[in-house]
PDB file of N, CA and C in Angstrom:
ATOM      1  N   UNK A   1       6.879 -11.138  25.077  1.00  0.00           N
ATOM      2  CA  UNK A   1       7.049  -9.763  24.359  1.00  0.00           C
ATOM      3  C   UNK A   1       7.358  -9.575  22.836  1.00  0.00           C
ATOM      4  N   UNK A   2       6.691  -9.061  22.179  1.00  0.00           N
ATOM      5  CA  UNK A   2       6.486  -9.098  20.672  1.00  0.00           C
ATOM      6  C   UNK A   2       7.528  -7.778  20.901  1.00  0.00           C
ATOM      7  N   UNK A   3       8.322  -7.951  19.834  1.00  0.00           N
ATOM      8  CA  UNK A   3       8.972  -6.855  19.392  1.00  0.00           C
ATOM      9  C   UNK A   3       8.762  -6.044  18.170  1.00  0.00           C
ATOM     10  N   UNK A   4       9.116  -4.407  18.857  1.00  0.00           N
ATOM     11  CA  UNK A   4       8.437  -3.021  18.275  1.00  0.00           C
ATOM     12  C   UNK A   4       8.562  -3.639  16.900  1.00  0.00           C
ATOM     13  N   UNK A   5       9.789  -3.996  16.576  1.00  0.00           N
ATOM     14  CA  UNK A   5       9.538  -4.624  15.021  1.00  0.00           C
ATOM     15  C   UNK A   5       8.529  -5.075  14.231  1.00  0.00           C
ATOM     16  N   UNK A   6       8.003  -5.981  14.578  1.00  0.00           N
ATOM     17  CA  UNK A   6       6.936  -6.543  14.489  1.00  0.00           C
ATOM     18  C   UNK A   6       5.806  -5.679  14.476  1.00  0.00           C
ATOM     19  N   UNK A   7       5.379  -4.933  15.440  1.00  0.00           N
ATOM     20  CA  UNK A   7       3.854  -4.526  15.166  1.00  0.00           C
ATOM     21  C   UNK A   7       4.397  -3.289  14.422  1.00  0.00           C
ATOM     22  N   UNK A   8       5.265  -2.877  14.100  1.00  0.00           N
ATOM     23  CA  UNK A   8       5.646  -1.862  13.382  1.00  0.00           C
ATOM     24  C   UNK A   8       4.688  -3.059  12.187  1.00  0.00           C
ATOM     25  N   UNK A   9       5.259  -3.518  11.440  1.00  0.00           N
ATOM     26  CA  UNK A   9       5.383  -4.408  10.636  1.00  0.00           C
ATOM     27  C   UNK A   9       3.429  -4.853  10.978  1.00  0.00           C
ATOM     28  N   UNK A  10       2.764  -5.287  11.159  1.00  0.00           N
ATOM     29  CA  UNK A  10       1.829  -5.637  10.686  1.00  0.00           C
ATOM     30  C   UNK A  10       1.143  -4.968  11.191  1.00  0.00           C
ATOM     31  N   UNK A  11       1.252  -3.669  11.829  1.00  0.00           N
ATOM     32  CA  UNK A  11       0.066  -2.718  11.855  1.00  0.00           C
ATOM     33  C   UNK A  11       0.192  -1.867  10.545  1.00  0.00           C
ATOM     34  N   UNK A  12       1.208  -2.024   9.738  1.00  0.00           N
ATOM     35  CA  UNK A  12       1.528  -1.252   8.331  1.00  0.00           C
ATOM     36  C   UNK A  12       0.757  -1.739   7.166  1.00  0.00           C
ATOM     37  N   UNK A  13       0.603  -3.598   7.352  1.00  0.00           N
ATOM     38  CA  UNK A  13       0.199  -4.211   6.513  1.00  0.00           C
ATOM     39  C   UNK A  13      -1.185  -4.259   6.890  1.00  0.00           C
ATOM     40  N   UNK A  14      -2.004  -3.521   8.439  1.00  0.00           N
ATOM     41  CA  UNK A  14      -3.341  -3.767   8.625  1.00  0.00           C
ATOM     42  C   UNK A  14      -3.150  -2.232   8.347  1.00  0.00           C
ATOM     43  N   UNK A  15      -2.813  -1.270   8.169  1.00  0.00           N
ATOM     44  CA  UNK A  15      -3.382   0.293   7.015  1.00  0.00           C
ATOM     45  C   UNK A  15      -3.225   0.053   5.637  1.00  0.00           C
ATOM     46  N   UNK A  16      -2.398  -0.854   5.066  1.00  0.00           N
ATOM     47  CA  UNK A  16      -2.385  -0.707   3.481  1.00  0.00           C
ATOM     48  C   UNK A  16      -3.378  -1.599   3.290  1.00  0.00           C
ATOM     49  N   UNK A  17      -3.772  -2.645   3.925  1.00  0.00           N
ATOM     50  CA  UNK A  17      -5.257  -3.418   3.692  1.00  0.00           C
ATOM     51  C   UNK A  17      -6.696  -2.763   4.244  1.00  0.00           C
ATOM     52  N   UNK A  18      -6.293  -1.724   5.463  1.00  0.00           N
ATOM     53  CA  UNK A  18      -7.724  -0.897   5.727  1.00  0.00           C
ATOM     54  C   UNK A  18      -7.791   0.185   4.322  1.00  0.00           C
ATOM     55  N   UNK A  19      -6.620   0.898   3.850  1.00  0.00           N
ATOM     56  CA  UNK A  19      -6.981   1.622   2.460  1.00  0.00           C
ATOM     57  C   UNK A  19      -6.672   0.571   1.617  1.00  0.00           C
ATOM     58  N   UNK A  20      -7.307  -0.635   0.998  1.00  0.00           N
ATOM     59  CA  UNK A  20      -7.777  -0.589  -0.203  1.00  0.00           C
ATOM     60  C   UNK A  20      -9.121  -1.207  -0.086  1.00  0.00           C
ATOM     61  N   UNK A  21      -9.350  -1.304   1.271  1.00  0.00           N
ATOM     62  CA  UNK A  21     -11.279  -1.469   1.983  1.00  0.00           C
ATOM     63  C   UNK A  21     -11.607  -0.473   1.194  1.00  0.00           C
ATOM     64  N   UNK A  22     -11.295   0.099   1.618  1.00  0.00           N
ATOM     65  CA  UNK A  22     -12.097   1.827   1.106  1.00  0.00           C
ATOM     66  C   UNK A  22     -12.168   2.327   0.088  1.00  0.00           C
ATOM     67  N   UNK A  23     -10.679   1.589  -0.550  1.00  0.00           N
ATOM     68  CA  UNK A  23     -11.350   1.716  -1.981  1.00  0.00           C
ATOM     69  C   UNK A  23     -12.265   0.775  -2.676  1.00  0.00           C
ATOM     70  N   UNK A  24     -12.104   0.032  -2.094  1.00  0.00           N
ATOM     71  CA  UNK A  24     -12.625  -0.874  -2.324  1.00  0.00           C
ATOM     72  C   UNK A  24     -14.308  -0.976  -2.199  1.00  0.00           C
ATOM     73  N   UNK A  25     -14.794  -0.515  -0.958  1.00  0.00           N
ATOM     74  CA  UNK A  25     -15.864   0.130  -0.889  1.00  0.00           C
ATOM     75  C   UNK A  25     -16.097   1.568  -1.257  1.00  0.00           C
ATOM     76  N   UNK A  26     -15.611   2.001  -2.078  1.00  0.00           N
ATOM     77  CA  UNK A  26     -16.189   3.630  -2.080  1.00  0.00           C
ATOM     78  C   UNK A  26     -16.002   4.265  -1.676  1.00  0.00           C
ATOM     79  N   UNK A  27     -15.445   4.497  -0.119  1.00  0.00           N
ATOM     80  CA  UNK A  27     -14.869   5.322   0.623  1.00  0.00           C
ATOM     81  C   UNK A  27     -15.673   6.399   0.672  1.00  0.00           C
ATOM     82  N   UNK A  28     -15.774   7.287   1.564  1.00  0.00           N
ATOM     83  CA  UNK A  28     -16.148   9.016   1.290  1.00  0.00           C
ATOM     84  C   UNK A  28     -14.045   9.620   1.502  1.00  0.00           C
ATOM     85  N   UNK A  29     -13.904  10.572   0.710  1.00  0.00           N
ATOM     86  CA  UNK A  29     -12.857  11.070   0.152  1.00  0.00           C
ATOM     87  C   UNK A  29     -12.343  11.370   1.459  1.00  0.00           C
ATOM     88  N   UNK A  30     -13.046  11.633   2.756  1.00  0.00           N
ATOM     89  CA  UNK A  30     -12.552  11.873   3.887  1.00  0.00           C
ATOM     90  C   UNK A  30     -12.111  10.486   4.280  1.00  0.00           C
ATOM     91  N   UNK A  31     -12.465   9.710   4.448  1.00  0.00           N
ATOM     92  CA  UNK A  31     -11.954   8.489   5.495  1.00  0.00           C
ATOM     93  C   UNK A  31     -10.362   8.101   4.697  1.00  0.00           C
ATOM     94  N   UNK A  32     -10.373   8.077   2.966  1.00  0.00           N
ATOM     95  CA  UNK A  32      -9.776   8.406   2.077  1.00  0.00           C
ATOM     96  C   UNK A  32      -7.908   9.026   3.040  1.00  0.00           C
ATOM     97  N   UNK A  33      -8.598  10.073   3.045  1.00  0.00           N
ATOM     98  CA  UNK A  33      -7.375  11.153   3.542  1.00  0.00           C
ATOM     99  C   UNK A  33      -6.980  10.753   4.638  1.00  0.00           C
ATOM    100  N   UNK A  34      -7.733  10.625   5.699  1.00  0.00           N
ATOM    101  CA  UNK A  34      -6.936  10.266   6.626  1.00  0.00           C
ATOM    102  C   UNK A  34      -6.812   8.410   6.665  1.00  0.00           C
ATOM    103  N   UNK A  35      -7.305   7.676   5.897  1.00  0.00           N
ATOM    104  CA  UNK A  35      -6.156   6.208   6.153  1.00  0.00           C
ATOM    105  C   UNK A  35      -4.839   6.258   5.520  1.00  0.00           C
ATOM    106  N   UNK A  36      -4.511   7.037   4.478  1.00  0.00           N
ATOM    107  CA  UNK A  36      -3.709   7.546   3.720  1.00  0.00           C
ATOM    108  C   UNK A  36      -2.813   8.264   4.676  1.00  0.00           C
ATOM    109  N   UNK A  37      -3.686   9.494   5.421  1.00  0.00           N
ATOM    110  CA  UNK A  37      -3.228  10.189   6.990  1.00  0.00           C
ATOM    111  C   UNK A  37      -2.072   9.195   7.586  1.00  0.00           C
ATOM    112  N   UNK A  38      -2.162   8.293   8.164  1.00  0.00           N
ATOM    113  CA  UNK A  38      -2.663   7.495   9.220  1.00  0.00           C
ATOM    114  C   UNK A  38      -1.664   6.495   8.484  1.00  0.00           C
ATOM    115  N   UNK A  39      -1.017   6.245   7.451  1.00  0.00           N
ATOM    116  CA  UNK A  39       0.166   5.188   6.586  1.00  0.00           C
ATOM    117  C   UNK A  39       1.370   6.590   6.789  1.00  0.00           C
ATOM    118  N   UNK A  40       1.235   7.848   6.128  1.00  0.00           N
ATOM    119  CA  UNK A  40       1.757   8.610   5.811  1.00  0.00           C
ATOM    120  C   UNK A  40       2.656   8.657   7.670  1.00  0.00           C
ATOM    121  N   UNK A  41       1.974   8.702   8.979  1.00  0.00           N
ATOM    122  CA  UNK A  41       3.157   9.017   9.905  1.00  0.00           C
ATOM    123  C   UNK A  41       3.312   7.584  10.169  1.00  0.00           C
ATOM    124  N   UNK A  42       2.555   6.726  10.350  1.00  0.00           N
ATOM    125  CA  UNK A  42       3.103   5.384  11.260  1.00  0.00           C
ATOM    126  C   UNK A  42       4.403   4.829   9.695  1.00  0.00           C
ATOM    127  N   UNK A  43       3.957   5.433   8.670  1.00  0.00           N
ATOM    128  CA  UNK A  43       6.075   4.912   8.133  1.00  0.00           C
ATOM    129  C   UNK A  43       7.053   5.632   8.921  1.00  0.00           C
ATOM    130  N   UNK A  44       6.267   6.964   8.513  1.00  0.00           N
ATOM    131  CA  UNK A  44       7.678   7.936   9.528  1.00  0.00           C
ATOM    132  C   UNK A  44       8.009   7.436  10.626  1.00  0.00           C
ATOM    133  N   UNK A  45       7.087   7.312  11.227  1.00  0.00           N
ATOM    134  CA  UNK A  45       7.987   6.828  12.925  1.00  0.00           C
ATOM    135  C   UNK A  45       8.658   5.376  13.174  1.00  0.00           C
ATOM    136  N   UNK A  46       8.271   4.409  12.193  1.00  0.00           N
ATOM    137  CA  UNK A  46       8.638   3.062  12.289  1.00  0.00           C
ATOM    138  C   UNK A  46      10.263   3.511  12.131  1.00  0.00           C
ATOM    139  N   UNK A  47      10.813   2.198  11.676  1.00  0.00           N
ATOM    140  CA  UNK A  47      12.196   1.631  11.953  1.00  0.00           C
ATOM    141  C   UNK A  47      12.785   1.735  10.430  1.00  0.00           C
ATOM    142  N   UNK A  48      12.016   2.047   9.358  1.00  0.00           N
ATOM    143  CA  UNK A  48      12.799   1.743   8.539  1.00  0.00           C
ATOM    144  C   UNK A  48      13.910   2.617   7.410  1.00  0.00           C
ATOM    145  N   UNK A  49      14.649   2.490   6.978  1.00  0.00           N
ATOM    146  CA  UNK A  49      15.738   3.336   6.024  1.00  0.00           C
ATOM    147  C   UNK A  49      15.316   4.433   5.722  1.00  0.00           C
ATOM    148  N   UNK A  50      15.546   4.991   5.082  1.00  0.00           N
ATOM    149  CA  UNK A  50      15.136   6.923   4.095  1.00  0.00           C
ATOM    150  C   UNK A  50      14.538   6.117   3.100  1.00  0.00           C
ATOM    151  N   UNK A  51      15.334   4.668   2.082  1.00  0.00           N
ATOM    152  CA  UNK A  51      14.628   3.686   1.162  1.00  0.00           C
ATOM    153  C   UNK A  51      13.686   3.259   0.786  1.00  0.00           C
ATOM    154  N   UNK A  52      13.754   2.646   2.449  1.00  0.00           N
ATOM    155  CA  UNK A  52      12.427   2.236   2.434  1.00  0.00           C
ATOM    156  C   UNK A  52      11.673   3.029   2.592  1.00  0.00           C
ATOM    157  N   UNK A  53      11.849   3.269   3.707  1.00  0.00           N
ATOM    158  CA  UNK A  53      10.422   5.072   3.168  1.00  0.00           C
ATOM    159  C   UNK A  53       9.408   5.832   2.068  1.00  0.00           C
ATOM    160  N   UNK A  54      10.898   5.171   1.103  1.00  0.00           N
ATOM    161  CA  UNK A  54      10.280   5.815   0.020  1.00  0.00           C
ATOM    162  C   UNK A  54      10.036   5.211  -0.677  1.00  0.00           C
ATOM    163  N   UNK A  55      10.188   3.859  -0.361  1.00  0.00           N
ATOM    164  CA  UNK A  55       9.350   2.561  -1.537  1.00  0.00           C
ATOM    165  C   UNK A  55       7.913   2.601  -0.905  1.00  0.00           C
ATOM    166  N   UNK A  56       7.189   2.865   0.779  1.00  0.00           N
ATOM    167  CA  UNK A  56       6.591   2.587   1.508  1.00  0.00           C
ATOM    168  C   UNK A  56       5.788   3.546   0.658  1.00  0.00           C
ATOM    169  N   UNK A  57       6.361   4.782   0.206  1.00  0.00           N
ATOM    170  CA  UNK A  57       5.276   6.280   0.159  1.00  0.00           C
ATOM    171  C   UNK A  57       4.832   6.150  -0.542  1.00  0.00           C
ATOM    172  N   UNK A  58       6.090   5.737  -2.028  1.00  0.00           N
ATOM    173  CA  UNK A  58       5.615   5.380  -3.702  1.00  0.00           C
ATOM    174  C   UNK A  58       4.630   4.078  -4.050  1.00  0.00           C
ATOM    175  N   UNK A  59       4.896   3.169  -2.590  1.00  0.00           N
ATOM    176  CA  UNK A  59       3.039   2.459  -2.728  1.00  0.00           C
ATOM    177  C   UNK A  59       1.664   2.899  -2.639  1.00  0.00           C
ATOM    178  N   UNK A  60       2.326   3.991  -1.075  1.00  0.00           N
ATOM    179  CA  UNK A  60       0.906   4.384  -0.771  1.00  0.00           C
ATOM    180  C   UNK A  60       0.324   5.005  -1.364  1.00  0.00           C
ATOM    181  N   UNK A  61       1.766   6.223  -2.439  1.00  0.00           N
ATOM    182  CA  UNK A  61       0.781   6.561  -4.044  1.00  0.00           C
ATOM    183  C   UNK A  61       0.523   6.108  -4.594  1.00  0.00           C
ATOM    184  N   UNK A  62       0.568   5.834  -4.834  1.00  0.00           N
ATOM    185  CA  UNK A  62      -0.198   4.048  -6.539  1.00  0.00           C
ATOM    186  C   UNK A  62      -1.838   3.888  -5.455  1.00  0.00           C
ATOM    187  N   UNK A  63      -0.976   3.431  -3.899  1.00  0.00           N
ATOM    188  CA  UNK A  63      -2.701   2.132  -4.021  1.00  0.00           C
ATOM    189  C   UNK A  63      -3.837   3.855  -4.357  1.00  0.00           C
ATOM    190  N   UNK A  64      -2.761   5.110  -3.619  1.00  0.00           N
ATOM    191  CA  UNK A  64      -4.255   5.767  -3.524  1.00  0.00           C
ATOM    192  C   UNK A  64      -4.808   6.498  -4.778  1.00  0.00           C
ATOM    193  N   UNK A  65      -3.826   6.317  -6.195  1.00  0.00           N
ATOM    194  CA  UNK A  65      -4.198   6.744  -6.705  1.00  0.00           C
ATOM    195  C   UNK A  65      -5.185   6.594  -7.975  1.00  0.00           C
ATOM    196  N   UNK A  66      -5.793   4.600  -7.194  1.00  0.00           N
ATOM    197  CA  UNK A  66      -6.609   4.405  -7.788  1.00  0.00           C
ATOM    198  C   UNK A  66      -7.728   4.767  -7.844  1.00  0.00           C
ATOM    199  N   UNK A  67      -8.035   5.543  -5.989  1.00  0.00           N
ATOM    200  CA  UNK A  67      -9.177   5.661  -5.791  1.00  0.00           C
ATOM    201  C   UNK A  67      -9.848   7.029  -6.030  1.00  0.00           C
ATOM    202  N   UNK A  68      -8.589   7.516  -6.983  1.00  0.00           N
ATOM    203  CA  UNK A  68      -8.866   8.732  -7.637  1.00  0.00           C
ATOM    204  C   UNK A  68      -9.461   9.085  -9.182  1.00  0.00           C
ATOM    205  N   UNK A  69      -9.545   7.954  -9.619  1.00  0.00           N
ATOM    206  CA  UNK A  69      -9.344   7.243 -10.997  1.00  0.00           C
ATOM    207  C   UNK A  69     -11.003   8.279 -11.622  1.00  0.00           C
ATOM    208  N   UNK A  70     -11.422   8.699 -12.886  1.00  0.00           N
ATOM    209  CA  UNK A  70     -12.544   8.774 -13.170  1.00  0.00           C
ATOM    210  C   UNK A  70     -13.551   8.020 -14.235  1.00  0.00           C
ATOM    211  N   UNK A  71     -12.188   7.252 -14.834  1.00  0.00           N
ATOM    212  CA  UNK A  71     -12.957   5.771 -15.664  1.00  0.00           C
ATOM    213  C   UNK A  71     -12.147   4.996 -15.412  1.00  0.00           C
ATOM    214  N   UNK A  72     -12.883   4.255 -16.241  1.00  0.00           N
ATOM    215  CA  UNK A  72     -12.267   2.342 -16.308  1.00  0.00           C
ATOM    216  C   UNK A  72     -11.283   2.712 -16.870  1.00  0.00           C
ATOM    217  N   UNK A  73     -10.788   3.120 -18.804  1.00  0.00           N
ATOM    218  CA  UNK A  73      -8.853   2.919 -18.132  1.00  0.00           C
ATOM    219  C   UNK A  73      -8.239   4.196 -17.674  1.00  0.00           C
ATOM    220  N   UNK A  74      -8.780   5.245 -16.840  1.00  0.00           N
ATOM    221  CA  UNK A  74      -7.662   5.784 -15.350  1.00  0.00           C
ATOM    222  C   UNK A  74      -7.434   4.386 -15.034  1.00  0.00           C
ATOM    223  N   UNK A  75      -8.648   3.870 -14.304  1.00  0.00           N
ATOM    224  CA  UNK A  75      -8.231   2.639 -12.921  1.00  0.00           C
ATOM    225  C   UNK A  75      -7.059   1.794 -13.621  1.00  0.00           C
ATOM    226  N   UNK A  76      -7.679   1.079 -15.211  1.00  0.00           N
ATOM    227  CA  UNK A  76      -6.599   0.143 -15.431  1.00  0.00           C
ATOM    228  C   UNK A  76      -5.444   0.486 -15.963  1.00  0.00           C
ATOM    229  N   UNK A  77      -4.961   1.589 -15.861  1.00  0.00           N
ATOM    230  CA  UNK A  77      -3.759   2.115 -16.132  1.00  0.00           C
ATOM    231  C   UNK A  77      -2.746   2.130 -14.756  1.00  0.00           C
ATOM    232  N   UNK A  78      -3.951   2.975 -13.486  1.00  0.00           N
ATOM    233  CA  UNK A  78      -2.972   3.437 -12.085  1.00  0.00           C
ATOM    234  C   UNK A  78      -3.733   1.552 -11.867  1.00  0.00           C
ATOM    235  N   UNK A  79      -4.227   0.574 -11.539  1.00  0.00           N
ATOM    236  CA  UNK A  79      -3.664  -0.467 -11.264  1.00  0.00           C
ATOM    237  C   UNK A  79      -2.398  -1.033 -12.025  1.00  0.00           C
ATOM    238  N   UNK A  80      -2.298  -1.364 -13.288  1.00  0.00           N
ATOM    239  CA  UNK A  80      -1.046  -1.414 -14.333  1.00  0.00           C
ATOM    240  C   UNK A  80       0.285  -1.391 -13.832  1.00  0.00           C
ATOM    241  N   UNK A  81      -0.226   0.217 -13.257  1.00  0.00           N
ATOM    242  CA  UNK A  81       1.491   0.818 -12.101  1.00  0.00           C
ATOM    243  C   UNK A  81       1.309  -0.002 -11.025  1.00  0.00           C
ATOM    244  N   UNK A  82       0.292  -0.063 -10.486  1.00  0.00           N
ATOM    245  CA  UNK A  82       0.565  -0.947  -9.196  1.00  0.00           C
ATOM    246  C   UNK A  82       0.827  -2.295  -9.461  1.00  0.00           C
ATOM    247  N   UNK A  83       0.805  -2.751 -10.126  1.00  0.00           N
ATOM    248  CA  UNK A  83       1.234  -3.697 -10.236  1.00  0.00           C
ATOM    249  C   UNK A  83       2.934  -4.441 -10.342  1.00  0.00           C
ATOM    250  N   UNK A  84       2.547  -3.513 -11.299  1.00  0.00           N
ATOM    251  CA  UNK A  84       4.679  -3.483 -11.731  1.00  0.00           C
ATOM    252  C   UNK A  84       5.304  -3.487 -10.996  1.00  0.00           C
ATOM    253  N   UNK A  85       4.770  -2.207 -10.216  1.00  0.00           N
ATOM    254  CA  UNK A  85       5.698  -2.002  -8.264  1.00  0.00           C
ATOM    255  C   UNK A  85       5.168  -2.548  -7.761  1.00  0.00           C
ATOM    256  N   UNK A  86       4.244  -2.726  -7.387  1.00  0.00           N
ATOM    257  CA  UNK A  86       4.868  -4.314  -6.566  1.00  0.00           C
ATOM    258  C   UNK A  86       5.393  -5.703  -7.015  1.00  0.00           C
ATOM    259  N   UNK A  87       5.353  -5.624  -8.312  1.00  0.00           N
ATOM    260  CA  UNK A  87       6.198  -6.877  -9.160  1.00  0.00           C
ATOM    261  C   UNK A  87       7.340  -6.665  -8.952  1.00  0.00           C
ATOM    262  N   UNK A  88       8.142  -5.344  -8.374  1.00  0.00           N
ATOM    263  CA  UNK A  88       9.282  -5.145  -8.667  1.00  0.00           C
ATOM    264  C   UNK A  88       9.839  -5.064  -7.433  1.00  0.00           C
ATOM    265  N   UNK A  89       9.092  -4.818  -6.010  1.00  0.00           N
ATOM    266  CA  UNK A  89       8.910  -4.756  -4.713  1.00  0.00           C
ATOM    267  C   UNK A  89       9.474  -6.529  -4.265  1.00  0.00           C
ATOM    268  N   UNK A  90       8.789  -7.355  -5.391  1.00  0.00           N
ATOM    269  CA  UNK A  90       8.583  -8.796  -5.091  1.00  0.00           C
ATOM    270  C   UNK A  90      10.073  -9.165  -5.671  1.00  0.00           C
ATOM    271  N   UNK A  91      10.852  -8.691  -5.985  1.00  0.00           N
ATOM    272  CA  UNK A  91      11.862  -9.183  -6.751  1.00  0.00           C
ATOM    273  C   UNK A  91      13.218  -8.285  -5.454  1.00  0.00           C
ATOM    274  N   UNK A  92      12.737  -7.588  -4.982  1.00  0.00           N
ATOM    275  CA  UNK A  92      14.180  -6.909  -4.950  1.00  0.00           C
ATOM    276  C   UNK A  92      14.766  -7.470  -3.895  1.00  0.00           C
ATOM    277  N   UNK A  93      15.393  -7.359  -2.593  1.00  0.00           N
ATOM    278  CA  UNK A  93      16.555  -7.905  -1.913  1.00  0.00           C
ATOM    279  C   UNK A  93      15.845  -7.378  -0.503  1.00  0.00           C
ATOM    280  N   UNK A  94      15.103  -6.285  -0.318  1.00  0.00           N
ATOM    281  CA  UNK A  94      14.668  -6.170   0.618  1.00  0.00           C
ATOM    282  C   UNK A  94      13.362  -6.884   1.245  1.00  0.00           C
ATOM    283  N   UNK A  95      13.907  -7.777   2.267  1.00  0.00           N
ATOM    284  CA  UNK A  95      12.901  -9.243   2.910  1.00  0.00           C
ATOM    285  C   UNK A  95      11.267  -8.404   3.417  1.00  0.00           C
ATOM    286  N   UNK A  96      12.197  -7.134   4.271  1.00  0.00           N
ATOM    287  CA  UNK A  96      10.835  -6.637   5.309  1.00  0.00           C
ATOM    288  C   UNK A  96       9.391  -6.258   3.700  1.00  0.00           C
ATOM    289  N   UNK A  97      10.178  -5.342   3.180  1.00  0.00           N
ATOM    290  CA  UNK A  97       9.158  -4.582   2.381  1.00  0.00           C
ATOM    291  C   UNK A  97       8.784  -5.558   1.477  1.00  0.00           C
ATOM    292  N   UNK A  98       9.143  -6.447   0.691  1.00  0.00           N
ATOM    293  CA  UNK A  98       8.503  -7.144  -0.182  1.00  0.00           C
ATOM    294  C   UNK A  98       7.338  -8.525   1.038  1.00  0.00           C
ATOM    295  N   UNK A  99       7.796  -8.786   2.667  1.00  0.00           N
ATOM    296  CA  UNK A  99       6.992  -9.388   2.869  1.00  0.00           C
ATOM    297  C   UNK A  99       6.036  -8.114   3.320  1.00  0.00           C
ATOM    298  N   UNK A 100       5.456  -7.306   3.675  1.00  0.00           N
ATOM    299  CA  UNK A 100       5.014  -6.136   3.564  1.00  0.00           C
ATOM    300  C   UNK A 100       3.799  -6.367   2.710  1.00  0.00           C
ATOM    301  N   UNK A 101       4.250  -5.610   1.699  1.00  0.00           N
ATOM    302  CA  UNK A 101       3.954  -6.145   0.222  1.00  0.00           C
ATOM    303  C   UNK A 101       2.872  -7.219   0.415  1.00  0.00           C
ATOM    304  N   UNK A 102       3.232  -8.738   0.914  1.00  0.00           N
ATOM    305  CA  UNK A 102       2.597  -9.697   0.645  1.00  0.00           C
ATOM    306  C   UNK A 102       1.677 -10.085   1.322  1.00  0.00           C
ATOM    307  N   UNK A 103       2.006  -9.091   2.350  1.00  0.00           N
ATOM    308  CA  UNK A 103       1.150  -9.749   3.715  1.00  0.00           C
ATOM    309  C   UNK A 103      -0.033  -8.882   3.469  1.00  0.00           C
ATOM    310  N   UNK A 104       0.330  -7.720   3.239  1.00  0.00           N
ATOM    311  CA  UNK A 104      -1.141  -6.885   2.804  1.00  0.00           C
ATOM    312  C   UNK A 104      -1.387  -7.063   2.109  1.00  0.00           C
ATOM    313  N   UNK A 105      -1.547  -7.436   0.884  1.00  0.00           N
ATOM    314  CA  UNK A 105      -2.271  -8.346   0.269  1.00  0.00           C
ATOM    315  C   UNK A 105      -2.533  -7.736  -1.642  1.00  0.00           C
ATOM    316  N   UNK A 106      -1.163  -7.119  -1.456  1.00  0.00           N
ATOM    317  CA  UNK A 106      -1.289  -5.500  -1.908  1.00  0.00           C
ATOM    318  C   UNK A 106      -1.459  -6.587  -3.565  1.00  0.00           C
ATOM    319  N   UNK A 107      -0.389  -6.997  -3.719  1.00  0.00           N
ATOM    320  CA  UNK A 107      -0.668  -7.713  -4.954  1.00  0.00           C
ATOM    321  C   UNK A 107      -2.056  -8.701  -5.821  1.00  0.00           C
ATOM    322  N   UNK A 108      -2.249  -9.500  -4.221  1.00  0.00           N
ATOM    323  CA  UNK A 108      -3.684 -10.139  -4.925  1.00  0.00           C
ATOM    324  C   UNK A 108      -4.909  -9.425  -5.169  1.00  0.00           C
ATOM    325  N   UNK A 109      -4.678  -8.212  -4.260  1.00  0.00           N
ATOM    326  CA  UNK A 109      -6.049  -6.956  -4.743  1.00  0.00           C
ATOM    327  C   UNK A 109      -5.570  -6.570  -5.930  1.00  0.00           C
ATOM    328  N   UNK A 110      -4.515  -6.405  -6.327  1.00  0.00           N
ATOM    329  CA  UNK A 110      -4.390  -5.450  -7.607  1.00  0.00           C
ATOM    330  C   UNK A 110      -5.044  -6.789  -8.525  1.00  0.00           C
ATOM    331  N   UNK A 111      -4.310  -8.053  -8.783  1.00  0.00           N
ATOM    332  CA  UNK A 111      -4.716  -8.972  -9.768  1.00  0.00           C
ATOM    333  C   UNK A 111      -6.707  -9.268  -9.487  1.00  0.00           C
ATOM    334  N   UNK A 112      -7.151  -9.414  -8.352  1.00  0.00           N
ATOM    335  CA  UNK A 112      -8.486  -9.226  -8.878  1.00  0.00           C
ATOM    336  C   UNK A 112      -8.810  -7.800  -9.468  1.00  0.00           C
ATOM    337  N   UNK A 113      -8.474  -7.166  -8.890  1.00  0.00           N
ATOM    338  CA  UNK A 113      -9.229  -5.696  -9.640  1.00  0.00           C
ATOM    339  C   UNK A 113      -9.074  -5.436 -11.131  1.00  0.00           C
ATOM    340  N   UNK A 114      -7.317  -5.960 -11.204  1.00  0.00           N
ATOM    341  CA  UNK A 114      -7.437  -6.228 -13.439  1.00  0.00           C
ATOM    342  C   UNK A 114      -8.314  -7.194 -14.300  1.00  0.00           C
ATOM    343  N   UNK A 115      -8.737  -8.369 -13.608  1.00  0.00           N
ATOM    344  CA  UNK A 115      -9.812  -9.177 -14.015  1.00  0.00           C
ATOM    345  C   UNK A 115     -10.967  -8.566 -14.232  1.00  0.00           C
TER     346      UNK A 115
END
């Protein structure tokens, strides 16, 4: 039997990846909102501390901001903010959040989009 914490971890990884794919494919606003809401609900239901939830919600907010930019300059700014935040998480002591950011490919996605 798989531990619940591990299932939550991979569910969150998949949901973050789904949101990034929706942004990449220029999905409808409704699909993006549904994906963001699924992430919010899952973050709230997982056994993360309040601090971890704040980090995950901040990450969600930064990723979602990439979807609503109006021009290339705004996109670059949003991606740079997201890249800085992902690097900050990479250096944190919280292994669970570090693993989630790494396994959902947030840093790689940002690096690809910044090229």
